[in-house]
Structure formats: structure tokens, C-alpha cells
Amino acid sequence: MAMSVAEIEILIKSALPDATVTVEDLAGDGDHYAATVTSEQFRGMPRVRQHQLVYAALQGRMGGALHALALQTSAPE
């Protein structure tokens, strides 16, 4: 079952309450998304760890309900 943009945003914001989250459905199929996540929690953290936090927020849905997610993460400027 595919996920909606709103579902993805809610999961990420639940785990990273201060985050600014933008999600785009790349193919219109509910399976291929791009997300930009900005959070103070990412400050000083390697990008791989930032991505791990976002994937953890998705609670195991990557590779199942959510087929592909292109991520851009950063701390606020």
C-alpha cells in the first residue's frame, strides 16, 4: 500500500518536531518521493546519520509501503 505525502510528513515531524519538511511525489504513483528535511537536531551530525534519523522516523516503511525516498537533509542556516 502506497503512502501519502501527508503520512510521510507526519512521521518525520513526529520524530523531529522542530523539522521543516517538504515532500514531493516524484512520479505521481505514491511510491517515489523526494524529501527535504531541515532540523536543528542535524547540526554537527554527518549526513549519513541525518538520513538514518529520517529513515528511523519512517518506522520501517522504507522498502515496503514507501519504495523510494530521495533525501536532502541539513541544519538551519
PDB file of N, CA and C in Angstrom:
ATOM      1  N   MET A   1       0.839  -1.179   0.000  1.00  0.00           N
ATOM      2  CA  MET A   1       0.000   0.000   0.000  1.00  0.00           C
ATOM      3  C   MET A   1       0.886   1.245   0.000  1.00  0.00           C
ATOM      4  N   ALA A   2       0.624   2.165  -0.873  1.00  0.00           N
ATOM      5  CA  ALA A   2       1.413   3.383  -1.020  1.00  0.00           C
ATOM      6  C   ALA A   2       1.158   4.337   0.148  1.00  0.00           C
ATOM      7  N   MET A   3       2.112   5.252   0.352  1.00  0.00           N
ATOM      8  CA  MET A   3       1.990   6.266   1.401  1.00  0.00           C
ATOM      9  C   MET A   3       1.688   7.619   0.770  1.00  0.00           C
ATOM     10  N   SER A   4       1.018   8.467   1.520  1.00  0.00           N
ATOM     11  CA  SER A   4       0.737   9.808   1.037  1.00  0.00           C
ATOM     12  C   SER A   4       1.812  10.777   1.524  1.00  0.00           C
ATOM     13  N   VAL A   5       1.883  11.932   0.881  1.00  0.00           N
ATOM     14  CA  VAL A   5       2.802  12.991   1.294  1.00  0.00           C
ATOM     15  C   VAL A   5       2.541  13.345   2.758  1.00  0.00           C
ATOM     16  N   ALA A   6       1.281  13.479   3.120  1.00  0.00           N
ATOM     17  CA  ALA A   6       0.912  13.856   4.491  1.00  0.00           C
ATOM     18  C   ALA A   6       1.404  12.827   5.508  1.00  0.00           C
ATOM     19  N   GLU A   7       1.266  11.539   5.192  1.00  0.00           N
ATOM     20  CA  GLU A   7       1.722  10.488   6.103  1.00  0.00           C
ATOM     21  C   GLU A   7       3.228  10.585   6.341  1.00  0.00           C
ATOM     22  N   ILE A   8       3.982  10.803   5.278  1.00  0.00           N
ATOM     23  CA  ILE A   8       5.432  10.909   5.390  1.00  0.00           C
ATOM     24  C   ILE A   8       5.800  12.119   6.245  1.00  0.00           C
ATOM     25  N   GLU A   9       5.168  13.247   5.978  1.00  0.00           N
ATOM     26  CA  GLU A   9       5.445  14.461   6.752  1.00  0.00           C
ATOM     27  C   GLU A   9       5.133  14.255   8.233  1.00  0.00           C
ATOM     28  N   ILE A  10       4.012  13.641   8.541  1.00  0.00           N
ATOM     29  CA  ILE A  10       3.611  13.421   9.931  1.00  0.00           C
ATOM     30  C   ILE A  10       4.618  12.539  10.655  1.00  0.00           C
ATOM     31  N   LEU A  11       5.049  11.475  10.019  1.00  0.00           N
ATOM     32  CA  LEU A  11       6.016  10.572  10.654  1.00  0.00           C
ATOM     33  C   LEU A  11       7.336  11.284  10.941  1.00  0.00           C
ATOM     34  N   ILE A  12       7.811  12.050   9.974  1.00  0.00           N
ATOM     35  CA  ILE A  12       9.086  12.752  10.162  1.00  0.00           C
ATOM     36  C   ILE A  12       8.951  13.816  11.242  1.00  0.00           C
ATOM     37  N   LYS A  13       7.880  14.595  11.206  1.00  0.00           N
ATOM     38  CA  LYS A  13       7.693  15.652  12.199  1.00  0.00           C
ATOM     39  C   LYS A  13       7.439  15.083  13.594  1.00  0.00           C
ATOM     40  N   SER A  14       6.891  13.891  13.687  1.00  0.00           N
ATOM     41  CA  SER A  14       6.697  13.256  14.993  1.00  0.00           C
ATOM     42  C   SER A  14       8.043  12.935  15.638  1.00  0.00           C
ATOM     43  N   ALA A  15       8.994  12.504  14.829  1.00  0.00           N
ATOM     44  CA  ALA A  15      10.321  12.147  15.346  1.00  0.00           C
ATOM     45  C   ALA A  15      11.231  13.368  15.479  1.00  0.00           C
ATOM     46  N   LEU A  16      11.030  14.359  14.616  1.00  0.00           N
ATOM     47  CA  LEU A  16      11.858  15.572  14.609  1.00  0.00           C
ATOM     48  C   LEU A  16      10.917  16.775  14.668  1.00  0.00           C
ATOM     49  N   PRO A  17      10.384  17.086  15.861  1.00  0.00           N
ATOM     50  CA  PRO A  17       9.323  18.108  15.976  1.00  0.00           C
ATOM     51  C   PRO A  17       9.699  19.494  15.463  1.00  0.00           C
ATOM     52  N   ASP A  18      10.984  19.834  15.486  1.00  0.00           N
ATOM     53  CA  ASP A  18      11.391  21.171  15.024  1.00  0.00           C
ATOM     54  C   ASP A  18      11.632  21.227  13.519  1.00  0.00           C
ATOM     55  N   ALA A  19      11.489  20.097  12.848  1.00  0.00           N
ATOM     56  CA  ALA A  19      11.868  19.998  11.436  1.00  0.00           C
ATOM     57  C   ALA A  19      10.930  20.765  10.513  1.00  0.00           C
ATOM     58  N   THR A  20      11.533  21.316   9.481  1.00  0.00           N
ATOM     59  CA  THR A  20      10.800  21.818   8.334  1.00  0.00           C
ATOM     60  C   THR A  20      10.878  20.706   7.298  1.00  0.00           C
ATOM     61  N   VAL A  21       9.744  20.227   6.849  1.00  0.00           N
ATOM     62  CA  VAL A  21       9.698  19.060   5.961  1.00  0.00           C
ATOM     63  C   VAL A  21       8.932  19.414   4.698  1.00  0.00           C
ATOM     64  N   THR A  22       9.546  19.132   3.554  1.00  0.00           N
ATOM     65  CA  THR A  22       8.881  19.283   2.265  1.00  0.00           C
ATOM     66  C   THR A  22       8.985  17.942   1.546  1.00  0.00           C
ATOM     67  N   VAL A  23       7.851  17.396   1.141  1.00  0.00           N
ATOM     68  CA  VAL A  23       7.834  16.104   0.454  1.00  0.00           C
ATOM     69  C   VAL A  23       7.153  16.291  -0.898  1.00  0.00           C
ATOM     70  N   GLU A  24       7.749  15.701  -1.918  1.00  0.00           N
ATOM     71  CA  GLU A  24       7.207  15.778  -3.279  1.00  0.00           C
ATOM     72  C   GLU A  24       7.060  14.367  -3.845  1.00  0.00           C
ATOM     73  N   ASP A  25       5.906  14.074  -4.417  1.00  0.00           N
ATOM     74  CA  ASP A  25       5.675  12.800  -5.094  1.00  0.00           C
ATOM     75  C   ASP A  25       6.256  12.922  -6.503  1.00  0.00           C
ATOM     76  N   LEU A  26       7.370  12.258  -6.744  1.00  0.00           N
ATOM     77  CA  LEU A  26       8.110  12.439  -7.991  1.00  0.00           C
ATOM     78  C   LEU A  26       7.427  11.842  -9.210  1.00  0.00           C
ATOM     79  N   ALA A  27       6.749  10.718  -9.030  1.00  0.00           N
ATOM     80  CA  ALA A  27       6.179  10.027 -10.178  1.00  0.00           C
ATOM     81  C   ALA A  27       4.652  10.015 -10.175  1.00  0.00           C
ATOM     82  N   GLY A  28       4.047  10.555  -9.129  1.00  0.00           N
ATOM     83  CA  GLY A  28       2.596  10.536  -9.042  1.00  0.00           C
ATOM     84  C   GLY A  28       2.027   9.173  -8.726  1.00  0.00           C
ATOM     85  N   ASP A  29       2.895   8.263  -8.264  1.00  0.00           N
ATOM     86  CA  ASP A  29       2.458   6.888  -8.020  1.00  0.00           C
ATOM     87  C   ASP A  29       2.391   6.523  -6.540  1.00  0.00           C
ATOM     88  N   GLY A  30       2.724   7.462  -5.651  1.00  0.00           N
ATOM     89  CA  GLY A  30       2.698   7.174  -4.229  1.00  0.00           C
ATOM     90  C   GLY A  30       3.815   6.275  -3.768  1.00  0.00           C
ATOM     91  N   ASP A  31       4.811   6.057  -4.595  1.00  0.00           N
ATOM     92  CA  ASP A  31       5.933   5.176  -4.252  1.00  0.00           C
ATOM     93  C   ASP A  31       7.296   5.855  -4.347  1.00  0.00           C
ATOM     94  N   HIS A  32       7.397   6.939  -5.087  1.00  0.00           N
ATOM     95  CA  HIS A  32       8.685   7.589  -5.344  1.00  0.00           C
ATOM     96  C   HIS A  32       8.618   9.049  -4.911  1.00  0.00           C
ATOM     97  N   TYR A  33       9.337   9.345  -3.840  1.00  0.00           N
ATOM     98  CA  TYR A  33       9.271  10.680  -3.250  1.00  0.00           C
ATOM     99  C   TYR A  33      10.647  11.306  -3.132  1.00  0.00           C
ATOM    100  N   ALA A  34      10.644  12.625  -3.004  1.00  0.00           N
ATOM    101  CA  ALA A  34      11.832  13.392  -2.629  1.00  0.00           C
ATOM    102  C   ALA A  34      11.441  14.200  -1.401  1.00  0.00           C
ATOM    103  N   ALA A  35      12.317  14.236  -0.407  1.00  0.00           N
ATOM    104  CA  ALA A  35      12.033  14.986   0.817  1.00  0.00           C
ATOM    105  C   ALA A  35      13.218  15.863   1.172  1.00  0.00           C
ATOM    106  N   THR A  36      12.907  17.068   1.616  1.00  0.00           N
ATOM    107  CA  THR A  36      13.899  17.976   2.163  1.00  0.00           C
ATOM    108  C   THR A  36      13.535  18.172   3.627  1.00  0.00           C
ATOM    109  N   VAL A  37      14.499  17.876   4.508  1.00  0.00           N
ATOM    110  CA  VAL A  37      14.253  17.958   5.946  1.00  0.00           C
ATOM    111  C   VAL A  37      15.335  18.828   6.563  1.00  0.00           C
ATOM    112  N   THR A  38      14.910  19.880   7.241  1.00  0.00           N
ATOM    113  CA  THR A  38      15.828  20.774   7.931  1.00  0.00           C
ATOM    114  C   THR A  38      15.487  20.734   9.418  1.00  0.00           C
ATOM    115  N   SER A  39      16.499  20.422  10.241  1.00  0.00           N
ATOM    116  CA  SER A  39      16.272  20.316  11.675  1.00  0.00           C
ATOM    117  C   SER A  39      17.524  20.727  12.437  1.00  0.00           C
ATOM    118  N   GLU A  40      17.339  21.417  13.532  1.00  0.00           N
ATOM    119  CA  GLU A  40      18.451  21.792  14.399  1.00  0.00           C
ATOM    120  C   GLU A  40      19.133  20.536  14.947  1.00  0.00           C
ATOM    121  N   GLN A  41      18.391  19.462  15.075  1.00  0.00           N
ATOM    122  CA  GLN A  41      18.964  18.209  15.586  1.00  0.00           C
ATOM    123  C   GLN A  41      20.074  17.673  14.678  1.00  0.00           C
ATOM    124  N   PHE A  42      20.115  18.106  13.435  1.00  0.00           N
ATOM    125  CA  PHE A  42      21.137  17.642  12.496  1.00  0.00           C
ATOM    126  C   PHE A  42      22.471  18.373  12.650  1.00  0.00           C
ATOM    127  N   ARG A  43      22.489  19.489  13.390  1.00  0.00           N
ATOM    128  CA  ARG A  43      23.697  20.309  13.485  1.00  0.00           C
ATOM    129  C   ARG A  43      24.877  19.489  14.000  1.00  0.00           C
ATOM    130  N   GLY A  44      25.983  19.542  13.254  1.00  0.00           N
ATOM    131  CA  GLY A  44      27.206  18.842  13.623  1.00  0.00           C
ATOM    132  C   GLY A  44      27.183  17.342  13.358  1.00  0.00           C
ATOM    133  N   MET A  45      26.128  16.870  12.765  1.00  0.00           N
ATOM    134  CA  MET A  45      25.945  15.443  12.528  1.00  0.00           C
ATOM    135  C   MET A  45      26.301  15.109  11.077  1.00  0.00           C
ATOM    136  N   PRO A  46      27.028  14.014  10.851  1.00  0.00           N
ATOM    137  CA  PRO A  46      27.313  13.621   9.462  1.00  0.00           C
ATOM    138  C   PRO A  46      26.011  13.346   8.698  1.00  0.00           C
ATOM    139  N   ARG A  47      26.034  13.592   7.408  1.00  0.00           N
ATOM    140  CA  ARG A  47      24.838  13.427   6.570  1.00  0.00           C
ATOM    141  C   ARG A  47      24.268  12.008   6.654  1.00  0.00           C
ATOM    142  N   VAL A  48      25.129  11.014   6.735  1.00  0.00           N
ATOM    143  CA  VAL A  48      24.649   9.628   6.837  1.00  0.00           C
ATOM    144  C   VAL A  48      23.801   9.456   8.095  1.00  0.00           C
ATOM    145  N   ARG A  49      24.249  10.027   9.199  1.00  0.00           N
ATOM    146  CA  ARG A  49      23.489   9.932  10.459  1.00  0.00           C
ATOM    147  C   ARG A  49      22.172  10.703  10.348  1.00  0.00           C
ATOM    148  N   GLN A  50      22.180  11.851   9.676  1.00  0.00           N
ATOM    149  CA  GLN A  50      20.949  12.621   9.456  1.00  0.00           C
ATOM    150  C   GLN A  50      19.923  11.769   8.715  1.00  0.00           C
ATOM    151  N   HIS A  51      20.390  11.111   7.668  1.00  0.00           N
ATOM    152  CA  HIS A  51      19.492  10.262   6.878  1.00  0.00           C
ATOM    153  C   HIS A  51      18.983   9.087   7.709  1.00  0.00           C
ATOM    154  N   GLN A  52      19.841   8.526   8.546  1.00  0.00           N
ATOM    155  CA  GLN A  52      19.420   7.415   9.406  1.00  0.00           C
ATOM    156  C   GLN A  52      18.293   7.847  10.341  1.00  0.00           C
ATOM    157  N   LEU A  53      18.371   9.075  10.850  1.00  0.00           N
ATOM    158  CA  LEU A  53      17.302   9.577  11.725  1.00  0.00           C
ATOM    159  C   LEU A  53      15.982   9.695  10.977  1.00  0.00           C
ATOM    160  N   VAL A  54      16.047  10.165   9.736  1.00  0.00           N
ATOM    161  CA  VAL A  54      14.820  10.288   8.940  1.00  0.00           C
ATOM    162  C   VAL A  54      14.261   8.900   8.624  1.00  0.00           C
ATOM    163  N   TYR A  55      15.124   7.971   8.222  1.00  0.00           N
ATOM    164  CA  TYR A  55      14.646   6.609   7.938  1.00  0.00           C
ATOM    165  C   TYR A  55      14.036   5.970   9.184  1.00  0.00           C
ATOM    166  N   ALA A  56      14.642   6.200  10.351  1.00  0.00           N
ATOM    167  CA  ALA A  56      14.097   5.662  11.603  1.00  0.00           C
ATOM    168  C   ALA A  56      12.709   6.245  11.872  1.00  0.00           C
ATOM    169  N   ALA A  57      12.525   7.521  11.536  1.00  0.00           N
ATOM    170  CA  ALA A  57      11.230   8.177  11.730  1.00  0.00           C
ATOM    171  C   ALA A  57      10.134   7.512  10.898  1.00  0.00           C
ATOM    172  N   LEU A  58      10.521   6.896   9.797  1.00  0.00           N
ATOM    173  CA  LEU A  58       9.550   6.249   8.902  1.00  0.00           C
ATOM    174  C   LEU A  58       9.141   4.869   9.392  1.00  0.00           C
ATOM    175  N   GLN A  59       9.693   4.463  10.519  1.00  0.00           N
ATOM    176  CA  GLN A  59       9.256   3.258  11.242  1.00  0.00           C
ATOM    177  C   GLN A  59       9.199   2.000  10.376  1.00  0.00           C
ATOM    178  N   GLY A  60      10.245   1.746   9.628  1.00  0.00           N
ATOM    179  CA  GLY A  60      10.339   0.511   8.857  1.00  0.00           C
ATOM    180  C   GLY A  60       9.554   0.483   7.560  1.00  0.00           C
ATOM    181  N   ARG A  61       8.999   1.602   7.145  1.00  0.00           N
ATOM    182  CA  ARG A  61       8.196   1.612   5.919  1.00  0.00           C
ATOM    183  C   ARG A  61       9.038   1.704   4.646  1.00  0.00           C
ATOM    184  N   MET A  62      10.300   2.100   4.770  1.00  0.00           N
ATOM    185  CA  MET A  62      11.182   2.149   3.587  1.00  0.00           C
ATOM    186  C   MET A  62      11.324   0.740   3.019  1.00  0.00           C
ATOM    187  N   GLY A  63      11.179   0.635   1.717  1.00  0.00           N
ATOM    188  CA  GLY A  63      11.299  -0.654   1.057  1.00  0.00           C
ATOM    189  C   GLY A  63       9.997  -1.438   1.063  1.00  0.00           C
ATOM    190  N   GLY A  64       9.003  -0.956   1.786  1.00  0.00           N
ATOM    191  CA  GLY A  64       7.692  -1.601   1.820  1.00  0.00           C
ATOM    192  C   GLY A  64       6.654  -0.650   1.270  1.00  0.00           C
ATOM    193  N   ALA A  65       5.949   0.017   2.191  1.00  0.00           N
ATOM    194  CA  ALA A  65       4.923   0.986   1.793  1.00  0.00           C
ATOM    195  C   ALA A  65       5.532   2.175   1.060  1.00  0.00           C
ATOM    196  N   LEU A  66       6.788   2.448   1.360  1.00  0.00           N
ATOM    197  CA  LEU A  66       7.498   3.553   0.727  1.00  0.00           C
ATOM    198  C   LEU A  66       8.662   2.970  -0.066  1.00  0.00           C
ATOM    199  N   HIS A  67       8.535   2.982  -1.374  1.00  0.00           N
ATOM    200  CA  HIS A  67       9.514   2.315  -2.235  1.00  0.00           C
ATOM    201  C   HIS A  67      10.814   3.104  -2.362  1.00  0.00           C
ATOM    202  N   ALA A  68      10.737   4.409  -2.607  1.00  0.00           N
ATOM    203  CA  ALA A  68      11.944   5.206  -2.833  1.00  0.00           C
ATOM    204  C   ALA A  68      11.775   6.599  -2.248  1.00  0.00           C
ATOM    205  N   LEU A  69      12.838   7.067  -1.565  1.00  0.00           N
ATOM    206  CA  LEU A  69      12.820   8.403  -0.982  1.00  0.00           C
ATOM    207  C   LEU A  69      14.189   9.039  -1.178  1.00  0.00           C
ATOM    208  N   ALA A  70      14.238  10.061  -2.014  1.00  0.00           N
ATOM    209  CA  ALA A  70      15.476  10.834  -2.208  1.00  0.00           C
ATOM    210  C   ALA A  70      15.487  11.894  -1.108  1.00  0.00           C
ATOM    211  N   LEU A  71      16.544  11.904  -0.305  1.00  0.00           N
ATOM    212  CA  LEU A  71      16.597  12.788   0.856  1.00  0.00           C
ATOM    213  C   LEU A  71      17.630  13.891   0.703  1.00  0.00           C
ATOM    214  N   GLN A  72      17.258  15.069   1.154  1.00  0.00           N
ATOM    215  CA  GLN A  72      18.196  16.163   1.349  1.00  0.00           C
ATOM    216  C   GLN A  72      17.963  16.616   2.780  1.00  0.00           C
ATOM    217  N   THR A  73      19.023  16.582   3.590  1.00  0.00           N
ATOM    218  CA  THR A  73      18.897  16.967   4.989  1.00  0.00           C
ATOM    219  C   THR A  73      19.936  18.027   5.319  1.00  0.00           C
ATOM    220  N   SER A  74      19.580  18.873   6.306  1.00  0.00           N
ATOM    221  CA  SER A  74      20.524  19.892   6.750  1.00  0.00           C
ATOM    222  C   SER A  74      20.046  20.508   8.046  1.00  0.00           C
ATOM    223  N   ALA A  75      20.972  21.198   8.723  1.00  0.00           N
ATOM    224  CA  ALA A  75      20.624  22.020   9.866  1.00  0.00           C
ATOM    225  C   ALA A  75      20.254  23.400   9.332  1.00  0.00           C
ATOM    226  N   PRO A  76      19.456  24.155  10.068  1.00  0.00           N
ATOM    227  CA  PRO A  76      19.114  25.506   9.604  1.00  0.00           C
ATOM    228  C   PRO A  76      20.358  26.379   9.481  1.00  0.00           C
ATOM    229  N   GLU A  77      20.305  27.325   8.554  1.00  0.00           N
ATOM    230  CA  GLU A  77      21.453  28.213   8.378  1.00  0.00           C
ATOM    231  C   GLU A  77      21.407  29.343   9.360  1.00  0.00           C
TER     232      GLU A  77
END
